[in-house]
Protein backbone atom coordinates (compact mmCIF):
# COMPACT_ATOMS: atom_id res chain seq x y z
CA UNK A 1 -19.66 19.55 -5.70
CA UNK A 2 -19.10 15.87 -6.20
CA UNK A 3 -17.15 14.58 -3.88
CA UNK A 4 -16.16 10.95 -4.81
CA UNK A 5 -14.17 7.89 -2.56
CA UNK A 6 -11.70 6.55 -3.65
CA UNK A 7 -10.47 2.78 -2.39
CA UNK A 8 -7.03 2.06 -2.68
CA UNK A 9 -6.90 -2.27 -2.72
CA UNK A 10 -4.54 -3.26 -4.83
CA UNK A 11 -1.93 -4.78 -2.93
CA UNK A 12 -0.86 -8.33 -2.62
CA UNK A 13 -0.90 -7.77 1.43
CA UNK A 14 2.49 -9.56 1.47
CA UNK A 15 2.36 -9.71 5.61
CA UNK A 16 -1.06 -10.57 5.80
CA UNK A 17 -0.36 -13.21 3.40
CA UNK A 18 -2.96 -12.64 0.82
CA UNK A 19 -4.54 -9.56 -0.80
CA UNK A 20 -6.39 -7.89 1.94
CA UNK A 21 -9.25 -6.98 -0.38
CA UNK A 22 -10.56 -10.18 -0.27
CA UNK A 23 -10.45 -10.42 3.32
CA UNK A 24 -13.98 -11.60 5.08
CA UNK A 25 -14.58 -9.86 8.26
CA UNK A 26 -17.72 -9.65 10.18
CA UNK A 27 -19.34 -11.01 7.33
CA UNK A 28 -18.04 -8.54 4.71
CA UNK A 29 -15.10 -7.82 2.58
CA UNK A 30 -12.27 -5.54 3.69
CA UNK A 31 -13.38 -3.93 0.19
CA UNK A 32 -16.63 -3.60 0.24
CA UNK A 33 -16.85 -2.65 3.72
CA UNK A 34 -14.95 0.62 2.67
CA UNK A 35 -17.44 1.38 -0.39
CA UNK A 36 -19.87 1.31 2.15
CA UNK A 37 -18.10 3.29 4.89
CA UNK A 38 -17.81 6.04 1.86
CA UNK A 39 -21.09 5.95 -0.23
CA UNK A 40 -22.61 6.10 3.32
CA UNK A 41 -20.16 9.22 4.03
CA UNK A 42 -22.12 10.95 0.96
CA UNK A 43 -19.26 9.86 -1.79
CA UNK A 44 -20.99 9.26 -4.98
CA UNK A 45 -19.45 7.50 -7.21
CA UNK A 46 -16.36 5.87 -5.52
CA UNK A 47 -13.95 3.97 -7.31
CA UNK A 48 -11.93 1.19 -6.31
CA UNK A 49 -8.61 0.48 -7.60
CA UNK A 50 -7.16 -3.72 -7.92
CA UNK A 51 -4.68 -5.15 -8.56
CA UNK A 52 -2.81 -8.15 -7.51
CA UNK A 53 -6.95 -9.68 -7.41
CA UNK A 54 -9.29 -8.78 -9.97
CA UNK A 55 -12.11 -7.68 -7.73
CA UNK A 56 -15.70 -7.27 -8.53
CA UNK A 57 -17.57 -4.85 -6.55
CA UNK A 58 -20.72 -3.81 -6.10
CA UNK A 59 -21.67 0.01 -5.61
CA UNK A 60 -18.75 0.66 -7.05
CA UNK A 61 -16.62 0.96 -10.12
CA UNK A 62 -13.15 -1.11 -9.93
CA UNK A 63 -10.52 0.16 -12.22
CA UNK A 64 -7.12 -2.11 -12.59
CA UNK A 65 -3.28 -0.80 -11.74
CA UNK A 66 -1.48 -2.75 -13.85
CA UNK A 67 1.39 -1.21 -12.05
CA UNK A 68 0.13 -2.27 -8.13
CA UNK A 69 3.38 -3.88 -7.38
CA UNK A 70 5.32 -1.07 -7.52
CA UNK A 71 3.07 -0.11 -4.46
CA UNK A 72 0.38 2.66 -3.24
CA UNK A 73 1.57 5.64 -4.86
CA UNK A 74 0.91 3.80 -8.65
CA UNK A 75 -2.61 2.91 -6.87
CA UNK A 76 -2.71 6.47 -6.02
CA UNK A 77 -1.96 7.69 -9.59
CA UNK A 78 -4.34 5.69 -11.47
CA UNK A 79 -7.71 6.02 -8.72
CA UNK A 80 -6.71 10.17 -9.52
CA UNK A 81 -6.82 9.50 -13.21
CA UNK A 82 -9.94 7.63 -12.99
CA UNK A 83 -12.15 10.23 -11.49
CA UNK A 84 -15.20 11.37 -12.90
CA UNK A 85 -14.81 14.75 -14.39
CA UNK A 86 -17.52 16.88 -12.31
CA UNK A 87 -15.57 15.44 -9.28
CA UNK A 88 -13.88 18.85 -7.47
CA UNK A 89 -12.67 16.01 -4.89
CA UNK A 90 -11.65 12.60 -4.08
CA UNK A 91 -11.85 10.90 -0.28
CA UNK A 92 -9.18 8.25 -0.68
CA UNK A 93 -9.14 5.24 2.07
CA UNK A 94 -6.82 2.00 2.44
CA UNK A 95 -8.49 -0.86 1.98
CA UNK A 96 -7.01 -2.08 5.22
CA UNK A 97 -9.00 -0.11 7.79
CA UNK A 98 -11.96 -1.76 8.72
CA UNK A 99 -12.63 0.49 11.95
CA UNK A 100 -12.92 3.57 9.80
CA UNK A 101 -16.26 5.02 10.31
CA UNK A 102 -18.76 7.12 8.02
CA UNK A 103 -18.95 9.65 10.49
CA UNK A 104 -15.12 10.93 9.84
CA UNK A 105 -15.75 10.59 5.91
CA UNK A 106 -18.39 13.01 6.39
CA UNK A 107 -16.81 14.98 8.64
CA UNK A 108 -14.07 15.05 6.33
CA UNK A 109 -16.07 15.42 2.85
CA UNK A 110 -18.61 18.36 4.72
CA UNK A 111 -14.76 20.21 5.01
CA UNK A 112 -14.52 20.39 1.49
CA UNK A 113 -17.96 21.31 1.36
CA UNK A 114 -17.39 24.53 3.56
CA UNK A 115 -14.45 25.14 1.66
CA UNK A 116 -11.45 23.07 2.52
CA UNK A 117 -9.21 21.79 -0.89
CA UNK A 118 -7.36 19.37 1.11
CA UNK A 119 -8.31 17.92 4.45
CA UNK A 120 -6.94 14.68 6.73
CA UNK A 121 -8.85 12.96 9.66
CA UNK A 122 -7.00 13.27 12.87
CA UNK A 123 -7.68 11.06 16.18
CA UNK A 124 -5.92 12.01 19.70
CA UNK A 125 -4.17 14.99 17.29
CA UNK A 126 -2.72 12.10 14.98
CA UNK A 127 -3.65 12.04 11.43
CA UNK A 128 -4.94 9.36 9.31
CA UNK A 129 -7.19 8.31 7.29
CA UNK A 130 -9.93 9.60 5.38
CA UNK A 131 -7.25 12.17 2.98
CA UNK A 132 -9.71 14.28 1.07
CA UNK A 133 -7.88 15.69 -1.93
CA UNK A 134 -9.44 18.81 -3.94
CA UNK A 135 -9.15 18.71 -7.64
CA UNK A 136 -6.60 21.05 -8.00
CA UNK A 137 -4.14 19.05 -5.91
CA UNK A 138 -4.46 16.20 -7.95
CA UNK A 139 -2.04 16.54 -10.23
CA UNK A 140 0.48 17.26 -7.49
CA UNK A 141 -0.55 14.75 -5.31
CA UNK A 142 0.46 12.41 -8.34
CA UNK A 143 3.58 13.52 -9.17
CA UNK A 144 4.83 13.20 -5.21
CA UNK A 145 3.23 9.69 -5.18
CA UNK A 146 6.19 7.45 -4.98
CA UNK A 147 6.64 3.57 -4.22
CA UNK A 148 4.48 2.68 -0.63
CA UNK A 149 3.37 6.48 -0.56
CA UNK A 150 0.74 7.86 -1.34
CA UNK A 151 0.02 11.85 -0.55
CA UNK A 152 1.55 11.38 3.24
CA UNK A 153 4.54 13.15 1.67
CA UNK A 154 2.80 15.68 -0.37
CA UNK A 155 0.87 16.63 2.85
CA UNK A 156 3.83 16.33 5.56
CA UNK A 157 3.97 20.51 6.32
CA UNK A 158 1.51 22.08 4.35
CA UNK A 159 -0.42 24.85 6.45
CA UNK A 160 -3.29 24.76 4.20
CA UNK A 161 -4.01 21.12 5.31
CA UNK A 162 -7.35 21.07 7.17
CA UNK A 163 -7.24 18.62 10.24
CA UNK A 164 -10.66 17.43 11.13
CA UNK A 165 -10.74 16.36 14.47
CA UNK A 166 -12.76 12.47 14.27
CA UNK A 167 -11.63 11.26 17.57
CA UNK A 168 -14.01 8.96 18.90
CA UNK A 169 -15.96 8.20 15.86
CA UNK A 170 -13.65 5.74 13.83
CA UNK A 171 -10.34 4.61 14.08
CA UNK A 172 -7.44 4.71 11.04
CA UNK A 173 -5.31 1.50 12.41
CA UNK A 174 -4.51 -0.31 9.11
CA UNK A 175 -4.48 -4.14 9.35
CA UNK A 176 -1.43 -5.51 8.98
CA UNK A 177 -1.15 -9.09 9.55
CA UNK A 178 -4.31 -11.66 10.68
CA UNK A 179 -3.59 -11.44 14.02
CA UNK A 180 -4.89 -7.57 14.19
CA UNK A 181 -7.90 -8.76 13.30
CA UNK A 182 -8.79 -11.49 16.03
CA UNK A 183 -7.54 -9.43 18.37
CA UNK A 184 -10.24 -6.51 18.07
CA UNK A 185 -14.11 -6.26 16.85
CA UNK A 186 -14.89 -5.30 14.01
């Protein structure tokens, strides 16, 4: 089974003041950190969706989303369409979650290898990232992805989503403003 990685990195970072994909934290750009986390968690290949800023990323294919300004939903749709033909699932992360760990990716990916078709990491009982989407759900997820809502709307209330406990091995908190990075170590 091929489990690909998908980094949604197209936004302009309006609240942050600039595109977050290009922000450097702890010596690495957020986009590079996200790619490294997916690769270390066993995802291959890794696809990055760019938009507001052109990106070149080692270890990943970059696909531009011309409709990036319409919101994250368009980036998720573009990303799922760009997945390789042999991928049975995609593990999705947001570029602005620098405290995610490779172990969380590995656990969510392992859930798929054990049979899960939809899986989401949980932290103290709350859903976060990474999210795993089995290929058979991509069309329905893409149809539900609107505006700034990615897969959340599709996954809400479904009983077939495996929740994978990742408490203590990472933090899915996203970075919306520069102060969030100054207040925490990465």
